[in-house]
């Protein structure tokens, strides 16, 4: 399984209901939802990847099922993963998506290849 298609669809629906324009990019063996050309939310296997930023990071780690994202083997500050059983309820999934959307306007965009 590359990533949870049902979770991806749930995210699409929430973003659409919130009237958030997004695009999708396959990356890291999963799917990333880009908002304002910045990685915002993702699905890696059956987990939610949330870009919540450094200010919300420590508090988020206290939540059940939340861990620092360790894509390269070491924690990525500002990025967390949430286990499937902790996003099963719609309110829980929306909580994490809202955190991502709060951080997105101040998140730095990665530089596009070939541009300075």
Protein backbone atom coordinates (compact mmCIF):
# COMPACT_ATOMS: atom_id res chain seq x y z
CA UNK A 1 0.00 0.00 0.00
CA UNK A 2 1.52 3.29 -1.07
CA UNK A 3 -0.84 5.43 1.00
CA UNK A 4 -4.36 5.33 2.43
CA UNK A 5 -6.66 6.43 -0.41
CA UNK A 6 -9.61 6.83 1.97
CA UNK A 7 -7.66 9.20 4.23
CA UNK A 8 -6.59 11.22 1.19
CA UNK A 9 -10.22 11.52 0.12
CA UNK A 10 -11.28 12.64 3.61
CA UNK A 11 -8.64 15.39 3.47
CA UNK A 12 -9.84 16.47 -0.01
CA UNK A 13 -13.40 16.76 1.28
CA UNK A 14 -12.40 18.84 4.32
CA UNK A 15 -10.30 21.19 2.21
CA UNK A 16 -13.14 21.56 -0.29
CA UNK A 17 -15.65 22.27 2.51
CA UNK A 18 -13.31 24.95 3.85
CA UNK A 19 -12.96 26.36 0.32
CA UNK A 20 -9.17 25.87 0.45
CA UNK A 21 -7.50 25.62 -2.95
CA UNK A 22 -4.94 22.84 -2.97
CA UNK A 23 -2.96 20.69 -5.32
CA UNK A 24 -1.59 17.22 -4.81
CA UNK A 25 1.90 15.89 -5.37
CA UNK A 26 3.12 12.34 -4.96
CA UNK A 27 6.14 12.45 -2.67
CA UNK A 28 7.88 10.45 0.04
CA UNK A 29 5.96 7.35 -0.99
CA UNK A 30 2.75 9.15 -0.14
CA UNK A 31 0.66 12.12 -1.14
CA UNK A 32 1.24 15.76 -0.20
CA UNK A 33 -1.45 18.41 -0.29
CA UNK A 34 0.00 21.76 -1.29
CA UNK A 35 -1.70 24.98 -0.20
CA UNK A 36 -0.34 28.23 -1.64
CA UNK A 37 2.45 26.19 -3.25
CA UNK A 38 3.63 24.95 0.16
CA UNK A 39 3.47 21.45 1.59
CA UNK A 40 0.65 21.56 4.12
CA UNK A 41 -0.75 18.09 4.82
CA UNK A 42 0.13 14.62 3.66
CA UNK A 43 -0.62 10.94 3.79
CA UNK A 44 2.23 8.51 4.31
CA UNK A 45 1.04 4.89 4.29
CA UNK A 46 -1.88 5.05 6.73
CA UNK A 47 -0.68 8.03 8.76
CA UNK A 48 -1.42 11.72 8.52
CA UNK A 49 1.61 13.95 8.02
CA UNK A 50 0.97 17.41 9.41
CA UNK A 51 3.13 20.48 8.87
CA UNK A 52 2.18 22.40 11.98
CA UNK A 53 5.30 24.53 12.41
CA UNK A 54 7.82 24.84 15.24
CA UNK A 55 5.58 26.86 17.58
CA UNK A 56 2.90 24.15 17.82
CA UNK A 57 5.35 21.24 17.66
CA UNK A 58 6.08 20.54 21.36
CA UNK A 59 2.44 20.84 22.42
CA UNK A 60 1.33 18.58 19.57
CA UNK A 61 3.71 15.84 20.68
CA UNK A 62 1.70 15.57 23.93
CA UNK A 63 -1.37 14.45 21.96
CA UNK A 64 -2.08 10.71 21.72
CA UNK A 65 -0.84 9.13 18.50
CA UNK A 66 1.35 12.10 17.53
CA UNK A 67 5.07 11.71 16.87
CA UNK A 68 7.76 13.82 15.31
CA UNK A 69 8.07 12.98 11.64
CA UNK A 70 11.28 11.02 11.07
CA UNK A 71 11.48 10.72 7.31
CA UNK A 72 15.28 10.76 7.15
CA UNK A 73 15.76 8.92 10.44
CA UNK A 74 15.84 12.04 12.58
CA UNK A 75 12.97 14.24 13.76
CA UNK A 76 11.84 17.06 11.49
CA UNK A 77 10.83 19.94 13.75
CA UNK A 78 7.47 21.36 12.75
CA UNK A 79 6.32 18.14 11.06
CA UNK A 80 4.41 15.39 12.87
CA UNK A 81 2.72 12.14 11.98
CA UNK A 82 -0.52 11.00 13.54
CA UNK A 83 -1.46 7.35 13.78
CA UNK A 84 -4.65 6.18 12.04
CA UNK A 85 -6.60 5.38 15.20
CA UNK A 86 -6.18 9.00 16.34
CA UNK A 87 -7.66 10.51 13.17
CA UNK A 88 -10.51 8.05 12.76
CA UNK A 89 -13.04 10.55 14.10
CA UNK A 90 -13.80 13.48 11.81
CA UNK A 91 -13.26 16.07 14.56
CA UNK A 92 -9.77 14.68 15.24
CA UNK A 93 -8.78 14.83 11.57
CA UNK A 94 -10.15 18.36 11.27
CA UNK A 95 -8.16 19.42 14.36
CA UNK A 96 -4.87 18.46 12.67
CA UNK A 97 -5.86 19.93 9.31
CA UNK A 98 -6.76 23.20 11.04
CA UNK A 99 -3.34 23.32 12.73
CA UNK A 100 -1.72 22.88 9.31
CA UNK A 101 -3.87 25.61 7.78
CA UNK A 102 -3.04 28.01 10.63
CA UNK A 103 0.68 27.51 10.03
CA UNK A 104 0.54 27.52 6.23
CA UNK A 105 0.45 31.32 5.69
CA UNK A 106 3.75 31.75 7.57
CA UNK A 107 5.41 28.55 6.33
CA UNK A 108 8.33 28.98 4.00
CA UNK A 109 7.93 27.72 0.49
CA UNK A 110 10.65 25.44 -0.80
CA UNK A 111 12.57 26.93 -3.70
CA UNK A 112 11.57 25.63 -7.08
CA UNK A 113 14.26 23.79 -8.99
CA UNK A 114 16.11 25.99 -11.44
CA UNK A 115 15.10 29.23 -9.70
CA UNK A 116 17.18 31.37 -7.38
